Amino acid sequence: MRTTPALSVRPRSTGDPFRPRQTGGDVRPFTVTVVEELSNSLFVLRWRDATLCNYEEQVWSACLARASGCCALSGKHINLGDSVYRPRVRGRVIPLNRDAMILASELVQARTGA
């Protein structure tokens, strides 16, 4: 998984996007906004990254982390086997941000504004 930075802005109930902050050498210029929570542990996110991809309504699904990495929302460390959300892959269409992961606890917290 590509290293992503910690993010400096926590969401408010208005759905403000997360914005990256510089944490060293690698800075990812992306923003992530929770658009909607669907049934069956699915979330719709807006992922904007000027250097890689732009998804206005990307579906993310719950799974267990298959490798360690960094949470795209909080910058927290993700361990192998942690409960995470990842971009949903459907058929032959593989999202360019397929390696991104968000800790399930961070996504739920972002959605509730807690």
PDB file of N, CA and C in Angstrom:
ATOM      1  N   MET A   1       0.828  -1.178   0.000  1.00  0.00           N
ATOM      2  CA  MET A   1       0.000   0.000   0.000  1.00  0.00           C
ATOM      3  C   MET A   1       0.869   1.237   0.000  1.00  0.00           C
ATOM      4  N   ARG A   2       0.473   2.219  -0.716  1.00  0.00           N
ATOM      5  CA  ARG A   2       1.166   3.487  -0.773  1.00  0.00           C
ATOM      6  C   ARG A   2       0.988   4.209   0.560  1.00  0.00           C
ATOM      7  N   THR A   3       2.030   4.851   1.036  1.00  0.00           N
ATOM      8  CA  THR A   3       1.963   5.575   2.297  1.00  0.00           C
ATOM      9  C   THR A   3       1.127   6.833   2.122  1.00  0.00           C
ATOM     10  N   THR A   4       0.174   7.052   3.019  1.00  0.00           N
ATOM     11  CA  THR A   4      -0.651   8.253   2.980  1.00  0.00           C
ATOM     12  C   THR A   4      -0.435   9.036   4.262  1.00  0.00           C
ATOM     13  N   PRO A   5      -0.617  10.349   4.219  1.00  0.00           N
ATOM     14  CA  PRO A   5      -0.340  11.173   5.387  1.00  0.00           C
ATOM     15  C   PRO A   5      -1.472  11.172   6.389  1.00  0.00           C
ATOM     16  N   ALA A   6      -1.161  11.634   7.584  1.00  0.00           N
ATOM     17  CA  ALA A   6      -2.199  11.900   8.566  1.00  0.00           C
ATOM     18  C   ALA A   6      -2.986  13.100   8.058  1.00  0.00           C
ATOM     19  N   LEU A   7      -4.214  13.226   8.464  1.00  0.00           N
ATOM     20  CA  LEU A   7      -5.043  14.312   7.982  1.00  0.00           C
ATOM     21  C   LEU A   7      -5.386  15.249   9.118  1.00  0.00           C
ATOM     22  N   SER A   8      -5.413  16.538   8.815  1.00  0.00           N
ATOM     23  CA  SER A   8      -5.504  17.537   9.862  1.00  0.00           C
ATOM     24  C   SER A   8      -6.909  17.989  10.195  1.00  0.00           C
ATOM     25  N   VAL A   9      -7.867  17.775   9.342  1.00  0.00           N
ATOM     26  CA  VAL A   9      -9.205  18.304   9.570  1.00  0.00           C
ATOM     27  C   VAL A   9     -10.172  17.181   9.890  1.00  0.00           C
ATOM     28  N   ARG A  10     -10.850  17.266  11.007  1.00  0.00           N
ATOM     29  CA  ARG A  10     -11.879  16.294  11.356  1.00  0.00           C
ATOM     30  C   ARG A  10     -13.202  16.793  10.810  1.00  0.00           C
ATOM     31  N   PRO A  11     -14.098  15.922  10.416  1.00  0.00           N
ATOM     32  CA  PRO A  11     -15.351  16.365   9.817  1.00  0.00           C
ATOM     33  C   PRO A  11     -16.288  16.965  10.847  1.00  0.00           C
ATOM     34  N   ARG A  12     -17.139  17.815  10.343  1.00  0.00           N
ATOM     35  CA  ARG A  12     -18.241  18.321  11.150  1.00  0.00           C
ATOM     36  C   ARG A  12     -19.509  17.755  10.539  1.00  0.00           C
ATOM     37  N   SER A  13     -20.629  18.054  11.128  1.00  0.00           N
ATOM     38  CA  SER A  13     -21.884  17.495  10.628  1.00  0.00           C
ATOM     39  C   SER A  13     -22.204  17.982   9.218  1.00  0.00           C
ATOM     40  N   THR A  14     -21.510  19.013   8.739  1.00  0.00           N
ATOM     41  CA  THR A  14     -21.749  19.525   7.388  1.00  0.00           C
ATOM     42  C   THR A  14     -21.098  18.670   6.326  1.00  0.00           C
ATOM     43  N   GLY A  15     -20.309  17.661   6.718  1.00  0.00           N
ATOM     44  CA  GLY A  15     -19.676  16.786   5.752  1.00  0.00           C
ATOM     45  C   GLY A  15     -18.424  17.387   5.143  1.00  0.00           C
ATOM     46  N   ASP A  16     -17.730  18.261   5.884  1.00  0.00           N
ATOM     47  CA  ASP A  16     -16.497  18.849   5.374  1.00  0.00           C
ATOM     48  C   ASP A  16     -15.496  17.762   5.031  1.00  0.00           C
ATOM     49  N   PRO A  17     -14.731  17.949   3.958  1.00  0.00           N
ATOM     50  CA  PRO A  17     -13.769  16.921   3.547  1.00  0.00           C
ATOM     51  C   PRO A  17     -12.554  16.873   4.457  1.00  0.00           C
ATOM     52  N   PHE A  18     -11.892  15.729   4.462  1.00  0.00           N
ATOM     53  CA  PHE A  18     -10.608  15.578   5.128  1.00  0.00           C
ATOM     54  C   PHE A  18      -9.556  16.117   4.168  1.00  0.00           C
ATOM     55  N   ARG A  19      -8.583  16.841   4.674  1.00  0.00           N
ATOM     56  CA  ARG A  19      -7.509  17.374   3.849  1.00  0.00           C
ATOM     57  C   ARG A  19      -6.173  16.897   4.396  1.00  0.00           C
ATOM     58  N   PRO A  20      -5.258  16.526   3.502  1.00  0.00           N
ATOM     59  CA  PRO A  20      -3.971  16.019   3.967  1.00  0.00           C
ATOM     60  C   PRO A  20      -3.097  17.119   4.549  1.00  0.00           C
ATOM     61  N   ARG A  21      -2.233  16.755   5.475  1.00  0.00           N
ATOM     62  CA  ARG A  21      -1.226  17.688   5.971  1.00  0.00           C
ATOM     63  C   ARG A  21       0.128  17.044   5.771  1.00  0.00           C
ATOM     64  N   GLN A  22       1.137  17.847   5.706  1.00  0.00           N
ATOM     65  CA  GLN A  22       2.477  17.324   5.468  1.00  0.00           C
ATOM     66  C   GLN A  22       2.989  16.643   6.722  1.00  0.00           C
ATOM     67  N   THR A  23       3.486  15.411   6.579  1.00  0.00           N
ATOM     68  CA  THR A  23       4.015  14.663   7.720  1.00  0.00           C
ATOM     69  C   THR A  23       5.407  14.145   7.421  1.00  0.00           C
ATOM     70  N   GLY A  24       6.058  14.708   6.460  1.00  0.00           N
ATOM     71  CA  GLY A  24       7.392  14.230   6.098  1.00  0.00           C
ATOM     72  C   GLY A  24       7.575  14.313   4.606  1.00  0.00           C
ATOM     73  N   GLY A  25       8.197  13.299   4.042  1.00  0.00           N
ATOM     74  CA  GLY A  25       8.541  13.327   2.632  1.00  0.00           C
ATOM     75  C   GLY A  25       7.374  13.192   1.681  1.00  0.00           C
ATOM     76  N   ASP A  26       6.472  12.255   1.932  1.00  0.00           N
ATOM     77  CA  ASP A  26       5.401  11.964   0.987  1.00  0.00           C
ATOM     78  C   ASP A  26       4.116  12.649   1.416  1.00  0.00           C
ATOM     79  N   VAL A  27       3.587  13.501   0.559  1.00  0.00           N
ATOM     80  CA  VAL A  27       2.320  14.164   0.846  1.00  0.00           C
ATOM     81  C   VAL A  27       1.339  13.770  -0.241  1.00  0.00           C
ATOM     82  N   ARG A  28       0.196  13.234   0.156  1.00  0.00           N
ATOM     83  CA  ARG A  28      -0.831  12.872  -0.808  1.00  0.00           C
ATOM     84  C   ARG A  28      -1.817  14.028  -0.869  1.00  0.00           C
ATOM     85  N   PRO A  29      -1.991  14.631  -2.004  1.00  0.00           N
ATOM     86  CA  PRO A  29      -2.891  15.778  -2.125  1.00  0.00           C
ATOM     87  C   PRO A  29      -4.341  15.364  -2.346  1.00  0.00           C
ATOM     88  N   PHE A  30      -4.852  14.480  -1.509  1.00  0.00           N
ATOM     89  CA  PHE A  30      -6.225  14.032  -1.701  1.00  0.00           C
ATOM     90  C   PHE A  30      -7.145  14.571  -0.612  1.00  0.00           C
ATOM     91  N   THR A  31      -8.434  14.588  -0.922  1.00  0.00           N
ATOM     92  CA  THR A  31      -9.455  14.859   0.073  1.00  0.00           C
ATOM     93  C   THR A  31     -10.466  13.723   0.011  1.00  0.00           C
ATOM     94  N   VAL A  32     -11.022  13.403   1.159  1.00  0.00           N
ATOM     95  CA  VAL A  32     -12.012  12.331   1.264  1.00  0.00           C
ATOM     96  C   VAL A  32     -13.222  12.895   1.988  1.00  0.00           C
ATOM     97  N   THR A  33     -14.399  12.730   1.403  1.00  0.00           N
ATOM     98  CA  THR A  33     -15.636  13.196   2.003  1.00  0.00           C
ATOM     99  C   THR A  33     -16.615  12.032   2.075  1.00  0.00           C
ATOM    100  N   VAL A  34     -17.231  11.845   3.234  1.00  0.00           N
ATOM    101  CA  VAL A  34     -18.276  10.824   3.369  1.00  0.00           C
ATOM    102  C   VAL A  34     -19.549  11.404   2.761  1.00  0.00           C
ATOM    103  N   VAL A  35     -20.033  10.757   1.708  1.00  0.00           N
ATOM    104  CA  VAL A  35     -21.228  11.225   1.016  1.00  0.00           C
ATOM    105  C   VAL A  35     -22.479  10.604   1.615  1.00  0.00           C
ATOM    106  N   GLU A  36     -22.439   9.276   1.827  1.00  0.00           N
ATOM    107  CA  GLU A  36     -23.642   8.580   2.283  1.00  0.00           C
ATOM    108  C   GLU A  36     -23.278   7.234   2.892  1.00  0.00           C
ATOM    109  N   GLU A  37     -24.056   6.828   3.881  1.00  0.00           N
ATOM    110  CA  GLU A  37     -23.922   5.486   4.434  1.00  0.00           C
ATOM    111  C   GLU A  37     -25.050   4.644   3.858  1.00  0.00           C
ATOM    112  N   LEU A  38     -24.691   3.568   3.201  1.00  0.00           N
ATOM    113  CA  LEU A  38     -25.668   2.664   2.612  1.00  0.00           C
ATOM    114  C   LEU A  38     -25.909   1.505   3.569  1.00  0.00           C
ATOM    115  N   SER A  39     -26.851   0.655   3.239  1.00  0.00           N
ATOM    116  CA  SER A  39     -27.075  -0.542   4.044  1.00  0.00           C
ATOM    117  C   SER A  39     -25.966  -1.551   3.782  1.00  0.00           C
ATOM    118  N   ASN A  40     -25.906  -2.596   4.576  1.00  0.00           N
ATOM    119  CA  ASN A  40     -24.950  -3.694   4.396  1.00  0.00           C
ATOM    120  C   ASN A  40     -23.493  -3.261   4.504  1.00  0.00           C
ATOM    121  N   SER A  41     -23.193  -2.356   5.427  1.00  0.00           N
ATOM    122  CA  SER A  41     -21.813  -1.928   5.689  1.00  0.00           C
ATOM    123  C   SER A  41     -21.117  -1.339   4.474  1.00  0.00           C
ATOM    124  N   LEU A  42     -21.828  -0.549   3.714  1.00  0.00           N
ATOM    125  CA  LEU A  42     -21.253   0.139   2.561  1.00  0.00           C
ATOM    126  C   LEU A  42     -21.311   1.648   2.793  1.00  0.00           C
ATOM    127  N   PHE A  43     -20.296   2.341   2.325  1.00  0.00           N
ATOM    128  CA  PHE A  43     -20.262   3.792   2.374  1.00  0.00           C
ATOM    129  C   PHE A  43     -19.982   4.321   0.981  1.00  0.00           C
ATOM    130  N   VAL A  44     -20.547   5.482   0.670  1.00  0.00           N
ATOM    131  CA  VAL A  44     -20.227   6.190  -0.564  1.00  0.00           C
ATOM    132  C   VAL A  44     -19.325   7.349  -0.170  1.00  0.00           C
ATOM    133  N   LEU A  45     -18.143   7.402  -0.783  1.00  0.00           N
ATOM    134  CA  LEU A  45     -17.173   8.442  -0.490  1.00  0.00           C
ATOM    135  C   LEU A  45     -16.842   9.232  -1.747  1.00  0.00           C
ATOM    136  N   ARG A  46     -16.452  10.482  -1.547  1.00  0.00           N
ATOM    137  CA  ARG A  46     -15.901  11.295  -2.625  1.00  0.00           C
ATOM    138  C   ARG A  46     -14.393  11.337  -2.398  1.00  0.00           C
ATOM    139  N   TRP A  47     -13.633  10.856  -3.350  1.00  0.00           N
ATOM    140  CA  TRP A  47     -12.170  10.790  -3.254  1.00  0.00           C
ATOM    141  C   TRP A  47     -11.614  11.667  -4.364  1.00  0.00           C
ATOM    142  N   ARG A  48     -10.916  12.720  -3.980  1.00  0.00           N
ATOM    143  CA  ARG A  48     -10.333  13.630  -4.969  1.00  0.00           C
ATOM    144  C   ARG A  48      -8.830  13.688  -4.770  1.00  0.00           C
ATOM    145  N   ASP A  49      -8.118  13.294  -5.802  1.00  0.00           N
ATOM    146  CA  ASP A  49      -6.663  13.299  -5.776  1.00  0.00           C
ATOM    147  C   ASP A  49      -6.184  13.792  -7.135  1.00  0.00           C
ATOM    148  N   ALA A  50      -5.668  15.004  -7.168  1.00  0.00           N
ATOM    149  CA  ALA A  50      -5.258  15.613  -8.436  1.00  0.00           C
ATOM    150  C   ALA A  50      -4.117  14.859  -9.105  1.00  0.00           C
ATOM    151  N   THR A  51      -3.377  14.059  -8.341  1.00  0.00           N
ATOM    152  CA  THR A  51      -2.241  13.348  -8.920  1.00  0.00           C
ATOM    153  C   THR A  51      -2.562  11.917  -9.333  1.00  0.00           C
ATOM    154  N   LEU A  52      -3.741  11.410  -8.958  1.00  0.00           N
ATOM    155  CA  LEU A  52      -4.036  10.008  -9.222  1.00  0.00           C
ATOM    156  C   LEU A  52      -5.415   9.774  -9.816  1.00  0.00           C
ATOM    157  N   CYS A  53      -6.474  10.203  -9.118  1.00  0.00           N
ATOM    158  CA  CYS A  53      -7.823   9.905  -9.576  1.00  0.00           C
ATOM    159  C   CYS A  53      -8.838  10.799  -8.880  1.00  0.00           C
ATOM    160  N   ASN A  54     -10.058  10.787  -9.414  1.00  0.00           N
ATOM    161  CA  ASN A  54     -11.159  11.546  -8.842  1.00  0.00           C
ATOM    162  C   ASN A  54     -12.416  10.690  -8.952  1.00  0.00           C
ATOM    163  N   TYR A  55     -12.971  10.324  -7.795  1.00  0.00           N
ATOM    164  CA  TYR A  55     -14.208   9.541  -7.760  1.00  0.00           C
ATOM    165  C   TYR A  55     -15.247  10.322  -6.986  1.00  0.00           C
ATOM    166  N   GLU A  56     -16.311  10.718  -7.643  1.00  0.00           N
ATOM    167  CA  GLU A  56     -17.363  11.506  -6.997  1.00  0.00           C
ATOM    168  C   GLU A  56     -18.243  10.659  -6.079  1.00  0.00           C
ATOM    169  N   GLU A  57     -18.549   9.441  -6.469  1.00  0.00           N
ATOM    170  CA  GLU A  57     -19.392   8.549  -5.680  1.00  0.00           C
ATOM    171  C   GLU A  57     -18.809   7.143  -5.739  1.00  0.00           C
ATOM    172  N   GLN A  58     -17.810   6.912  -4.925  1.00  0.00           N
ATOM    173  CA  GLN A  58     -17.139   5.616  -4.907  1.00  0.00           C
ATOM    174  C   GLN A  58     -17.644   4.796  -3.720  1.00  0.00           C
ATOM    175  N   VAL A  59     -18.050   3.572  -3.990  1.00  0.00           N
ATOM    176  CA  VAL A  59     -18.553   2.683  -2.938  1.00  0.00           C
ATOM    177  C   VAL A  59     -17.376   1.978  -2.264  1.00  0.00           C
ATOM    178  N   TRP A  60     -17.353   2.050  -0.938  1.00  0.00           N
ATOM    179  CA  TRP A  60     -16.335   1.377  -0.129  1.00  0.00           C
ATOM    180  C   TRP A  60     -17.030   0.318   0.714  1.00  0.00           C
ATOM    181  N   SER A  61     -16.408  -0.848   0.832  1.00  0.00           N
ATOM    182  CA  SER A  61     -17.011  -1.942   1.587  1.00  0.00           C
ATOM    183  C   SER A  61     -16.092  -2.397   2.713  1.00  0.00           C
ATOM    184  N   ALA A  62     -16.709  -2.992   3.720  1.00  0.00           N
ATOM    185  CA  ALA A  62     -15.982  -3.464   4.902  1.00  0.00           C
ATOM    186  C   ALA A  62     -15.243  -4.760   4.582  1.00  0.00           C
ATOM    187  N   CYS A  63     -14.052  -4.890   5.155  1.00  0.00           N
ATOM    188  CA  CYS A  63     -13.269  -6.117   5.025  1.00  0.00           C
ATOM    189  C   CYS A  63     -12.198  -6.103   6.109  1.00  0.00           C
ATOM    190  N   LEU A  64     -11.369  -7.119   6.113  1.00  0.00           N
ATOM    191  CA  LEU A  64     -10.232  -7.166   7.023  1.00  0.00           C
ATOM    192  C   LEU A  64      -8.979  -6.794   6.240  1.00  0.00           C
ATOM    193  N   ALA A  65      -8.100  -6.022   6.860  1.00  0.00           N
ATOM    194  CA  ALA A  65      -6.866  -5.597   6.198  1.00  0.00           C
ATOM    195  C   ALA A  65      -6.015  -6.809   5.854  1.00  0.00           C
ATOM    196  N   ARG A  66      -5.608  -6.907   4.605  1.00  0.00           N
ATOM    197  CA  ARG A  66      -4.762  -8.010   4.150  1.00  0.00           C
ATOM    198  C   ARG A  66      -3.281  -7.700   4.310  1.00  0.00           C
ATOM    199  N   ALA A  67      -2.993  -6.456   4.684  1.00  0.00           N
ATOM    200  CA  ALA A  67      -1.613  -6.019   4.920  1.00  0.00           C
ATOM    201  C   ALA A  67      -1.656  -4.821   5.851  1.00  0.00           C
ATOM    202  N   SER A  68      -0.543  -4.515   6.467  1.00  0.00           N
ATOM    203  CA  SER A  68      -0.500  -3.326   7.302  1.00  0.00           C
ATOM    204  C   SER A  68      -0.431  -2.106   6.394  1.00  0.00           C
ATOM    205  N   GLY A  69      -0.807  -0.953   6.937  1.00  0.00           N
ATOM    206  CA  GLY A  69      -0.799   0.264   6.136  1.00  0.00           C
ATOM    207  C   GLY A  69      -1.134   1.467   6.977  1.00  0.00           C
ATOM    208  N   CYS A  70      -1.678   2.476   6.337  1.00  0.00           N
ATOM    209  CA  CYS A  70      -1.984   3.742   6.980  1.00  0.00           C
ATOM    210  C   CYS A  70      -3.409   4.150   6.616  1.00  0.00           C
ATOM    211  N   CYS A  71      -4.191   4.572   7.590  1.00  0.00           N
ATOM    212  CA  CYS A  71      -5.576   4.982   7.367  1.00  0.00           C
ATOM    213  C   CYS A  71      -5.600   6.277   6.547  1.00  0.00           C
ATOM    214  N   ALA A  72      -6.364   6.279   5.462  1.00  0.00           N
ATOM    215  CA  ALA A  72      -6.447   7.444   4.594  1.00  0.00           C
ATOM    216  C   ALA A  72      -7.160   8.617   5.252  1.00  0.00           C
ATOM    217  N   LEU A  73      -7.952   8.364   6.301  1.00  0.00           N
ATOM    218  CA  LEU A  73      -8.638   9.464   6.985  1.00  0.00           C
ATOM    219  C   LEU A  73      -7.830  10.031   8.139  1.00  0.00           C
ATOM    220  N   SER A  74      -7.315   9.178   8.968  1.00  0.00           N
ATOM    221  CA  SER A  74      -6.688   9.635  10.209  1.00  0.00           C
ATOM    222  C   SER A  74      -5.171   9.575  10.198  1.00  0.00           C
ATOM    223  N   GLY A  75      -4.613   8.790   9.299  1.00  0.00           N
ATOM    224  CA  GLY A  75      -3.172   8.597   9.299  1.00  0.00           C
ATOM    225  C   GLY A  75      -2.719   7.558  10.317  1.00  0.00           C
ATOM    226  N   LYS A  76      -3.663   6.958  11.045  1.00  0.00           N
ATOM    227  CA  LYS A  76      -3.328   5.943  12.042  1.00  0.00           C
ATOM    228  C   LYS A  76      -2.823   4.671  11.362  1.00  0.00           C
ATOM    229  N   HIS A  77      -1.990   3.949  12.088  1.00  0.00           N
ATOM    230  CA  HIS A  77      -1.446   2.687  11.582  1.00  0.00           C
ATOM    231  C   HIS A  77      -2.545   1.634  11.509  1.00  0.00           C
ATOM    232  N   ILE A  78      -2.539   0.864  10.443  1.00  0.00           N
ATOM    233  CA  ILE A  78      -3.465  -0.255  10.260  1.00  0.00           C
ATOM    234  C   ILE A  78      -2.653  -1.537  10.327  1.00  0.00           C
ATOM    235  N   ASN A  79      -3.088  -2.450  11.167  1.00  0.00           N
ATOM    236  CA  ASN A  79      -2.432  -3.755  11.305  1.00  0.00           C
ATOM    237  C   ASN A  79      -3.131  -4.796  10.450  1.00  0.00           C
ATOM    238  N   LEU A  80      -2.402  -5.818  10.085  1.00  0.00           N
ATOM    239  CA  LEU A  80      -2.970  -6.952   9.384  1.00  0.00           C
ATOM    240  C   LEU A  80      -4.158  -7.488  10.186  1.00  0.00           C
ATOM    241  N   GLY A  81      -5.308  -7.643   9.552  1.00  0.00           N
ATOM    242  CA  GLY A  81      -6.486  -8.183  10.213  1.00  0.00           C
ATOM    243  C   GLY A  81      -7.406  -7.149  10.832  1.00  0.00           C
ATOM    244  N   ASP A  82      -7.014  -5.864  10.836  1.00  0.00           N
ATOM    245  CA  ASP A  82      -7.899  -4.819  11.362  1.00  0.00           C
ATOM    246  C   ASP A  82      -9.135  -4.685  10.481  1.00  0.00           C
ATOM    247  N   SER A  83     -10.222  -4.247  11.072  1.00  0.00           N
ATOM    248  CA  SER A  83     -11.449  -3.994  10.336  1.00  0.00           C
ATOM    249  C   SER A  83     -11.303  -2.662   9.591  1.00  0.00           C
ATOM    250  N   VAL A  84     -11.406  -2.723   8.260  1.00  0.00           N
ATOM    251  CA  VAL A  84     -11.194  -1.543   7.421  1.00  0.00           C
ATOM    252  C   VAL A  84     -12.250  -1.470   6.324  1.00  0.00           C
ATOM    253  N   TYR A  85     -12.271  -0.338   5.653  1.00  0.00           N
ATOM    254  CA  TYR A  85     -13.060  -0.165   4.435  1.00  0.00           C
ATOM    255  C   TYR A  85     -12.093   0.066   3.291  1.00  0.00           C
ATOM    256  N   ARG A  86     -12.444  -0.488   2.123  1.00  0.00           N
ATOM    257  CA  ARG A  86     -11.624  -0.335   0.917  1.00  0.00           C
ATOM    258  C   ARG A  86     -12.543  -0.053  -0.259  1.00  0.00           C
ATOM    259  N   PRO A  87     -11.999   0.555  -1.313  1.00  0.00           N
ATOM    260  CA  PRO A  87     -12.812   0.777  -2.515  1.00  0.00           C
ATOM    261  C   PRO A  87     -13.315  -0.557  -3.068  1.00  0.00           C
ATOM    262  N   ARG A  88     -14.556  -0.572  -3.446  1.00  0.00           N
ATOM    263  CA  ARG A  88     -15.173  -1.787  -3.977  1.00  0.00           C
ATOM    264  C   ARG A  88     -14.735  -2.014  -5.417  1.00  0.00           C
ATOM    265  N   VAL A  89     -14.331  -3.226  -5.717  1.00  0.00           N
ATOM    266  CA  VAL A  89     -13.925  -3.602  -7.069  1.00  0.00           C
ATOM    267  C   VAL A  89     -15.068  -4.388  -7.694  1.00  0.00           C
ATOM    268  N   ARG A  90     -15.512  -3.935  -8.851  1.00  0.00           N
ATOM    269  CA  ARG A  90     -16.610  -4.598  -9.541  1.00  0.00           C
ATOM    270  C   ARG A  90     -16.168  -4.984 -10.940  1.00  0.00           C
ATOM    271  N   GLY A  91     -16.171  -6.282 -11.227  1.00  0.00           N
ATOM    272  CA  GLY A  91     -15.797  -6.750 -12.557  1.00  0.00           C
ATOM    273  C   GLY A  91     -14.354  -6.429 -12.889  1.00  0.00           C
ATOM    274  N   ARG A  92     -14.148  -5.950 -14.094  1.00  0.00           N
ATOM    275  CA  ARG A  92     -12.790  -5.651 -14.556  1.00  0.00           C
ATOM    276  C   ARG A  92     -12.346  -4.233 -14.206  1.00  0.00           C
ATOM    277  N   VAL A  93     -13.241  -3.429 -13.666  1.00  0.00           N
ATOM    278  CA  VAL A  93     -12.893  -2.052 -13.325  1.00  0.00           C
ATOM    279  C   VAL A  93     -12.211  -2.040 -11.958  1.00  0.00           C
ATOM    280  N   ILE A  94     -10.920  -1.727 -11.961  1.00  0.00           N
ATOM    281  CA  ILE A  94     -10.151  -1.673 -10.725  1.00  0.00           C
ATOM    282  C   ILE A  94      -9.834  -0.212 -10.433  1.00  0.00           C
ATOM    283  N   PRO A  95     -10.314   0.308  -9.302  1.00  0.00           N
ATOM    284  CA  PRO A  95     -10.060   1.722  -8.989  1.00  0.00           C
ATOM    285  C   PRO A  95      -8.572   1.990  -8.793  1.00  0.00           C
ATOM    286  N   LEU A  96      -8.136   3.172  -9.183  1.00  0.00           N
ATOM    287  CA  LEU A  96      -6.735   3.546  -9.051  1.00  0.00           C
ATOM    288  C   LEU A  96      -6.309   3.683  -7.595  1.00  0.00           C
ATOM    289  N   ASN A  97      -7.251   3.920  -6.704  1.00  0.00           N
ATOM    290  CA  ASN A  97      -6.947   4.020  -5.267  1.00  0.00           C
ATOM    291  C   ASN A  97      -7.258   2.714  -4.539  1.00  0.00           C
ATOM    292  N   ARG A  98      -7.180   1.609  -5.243  1.00  0.00           N
ATOM    293  CA  ARG A  98      -7.550   0.301  -4.696  1.00  0.00           C
ATOM    294  C   ARG A  98      -6.752  -0.094  -3.464  1.00  0.00           C
ATOM    295  N   ASP A  99      -5.556   0.437  -3.294  1.00  0.00           N
ATOM    296  CA  ASP A  99      -4.732   0.093  -2.142  1.00  0.00           C
ATOM    297  C   ASP A  99      -5.071   0.909  -0.902  1.00  0.00           C
ATOM    298  N   ALA A 100      -5.917   1.915  -1.054  1.00  0.00           N
ATOM    299  CA  ALA A 100      -6.275   2.764   0.083  1.00  0.00           C
ATOM    300  C   ALA A 100      -7.133   1.989   1.079  1.00  0.00           C
ATOM    301  N   MET A 101      -6.958   2.303   2.353  1.00  0.00           N
ATOM    302  CA  MET A 101      -7.755   1.690   3.414  1.00  0.00           C
ATOM    303  C   MET A 101      -8.151   2.768   4.415  1.00  0.00           C
ATOM    304  N   ILE A 102      -9.312   2.585   5.020  1.00  0.00           N
ATOM    305  CA  ILE A 102      -9.780   3.454   6.085  1.00  0.00           C
ATOM    306  C   ILE A 102     -10.211   2.570   7.238  1.00  0.00           C
ATOM    307  N   LEU A 103      -9.697   2.843   8.428  1.00  0.00           N
ATOM    308  CA  LEU A 103     -10.118   2.079   9.605  1.00  0.00           C
ATOM    309  C   LEU A 103     -11.625   2.208   9.776  1.00  0.00           C
ATOM    310  N   ALA A 104     -12.297   1.113  10.037  1.00  0.00           N
ATOM    311  CA  ALA A 104     -13.751   1.120  10.200  1.00  0.00           C
ATOM    312  C   ALA A 104     -14.167   2.073  11.311  1.00  0.00           C
ATOM    313  N   SER A 105     -13.439   2.080  12.406  1.00  0.00           N
ATOM    314  CA  SER A 105     -13.786   2.965  13.529  1.00  0.00           C
ATOM    315  C   SER A 105     -13.676   4.435  13.134  1.00  0.00           C
ATOM    316  N   GLU A 106     -12.728   4.791  12.297  1.00  0.00           N
ATOM    317  CA  GLU A 106     -12.558   6.180  11.854  1.00  0.00           C
ATOM    318  C   GLU A 106     -13.669   6.592  10.894  1.00  0.00           C
ATOM    319  N   LEU A 107     -14.088   5.680  10.029  1.00  0.00           N
ATOM    320  CA  LEU A 107     -15.149   6.004   9.078  1.00  0.00           C
ATOM    321  C   LEU A 107     -16.482   6.171   9.787  1.00  0.00           C
ATOM    322  N   VAL A 108     -16.776   5.306  10.737  1.00  0.00           N
ATOM    323  CA  VAL A 108     -18.017   5.428  11.511  1.00  0.00           C
ATOM    324  C   VAL A 108     -18.002   6.729  12.307  1.00  0.00           C
ATOM    325  N   GLN A 109     -16.867   7.042  12.902  1.00  0.00           N
ATOM    326  CA  GLN A 109     -16.724   8.275  13.677  1.00  0.00           C
ATOM    327  C   GLN A 109     -16.901   9.507  12.770  1.00  0.00           C
ATOM    328  N   ALA A 110     -16.355   9.449  11.562  1.00  0.00           N
ATOM    329  CA  ALA A 110     -16.491  10.557  10.628  1.00  0.00           C
ATOM    330  C   ALA A 110     -17.940  10.750  10.230  1.00  0.00           C
ATOM    331  N   ARG A 111     -18.660   9.670  10.025  1.00  0.00           N
ATOM    332  CA  ARG A 111     -20.063   9.742   9.607  1.00  0.00           C
ATOM    333  C   ARG A 111     -20.956  10.287  10.699  1.00  0.00           C
ATOM    334  N   THR A 112     -20.673   9.919  11.946  1.00  0.00           N
ATOM    335  CA  THR A 112     -21.506  10.382  13.048  1.00  0.00           C
ATOM    336  C   THR A 112     -21.094  11.748  13.553  1.00  0.00           C
ATOM    337  N   GLY A 113     -19.900  12.208  13.129  1.00  0.00           N
ATOM    338  CA  GLY A 113     -19.432  13.525  13.560  1.00  0.00           C
ATOM    339  C   GLY A 113     -18.929  13.547  14.981  1.00  0.00           C
ATOM    340  N   ALA A 114     -18.667  12.358  15.544  1.00  0.00           N
ATOM    341  CA  ALA A 114     -18.207  12.291  16.932  1.00  0.00           C
ATOM    342  C   ALA A 114     -16.741  12.636  17.058  1.00  0.00           C
TER     343      ALA A 114
END
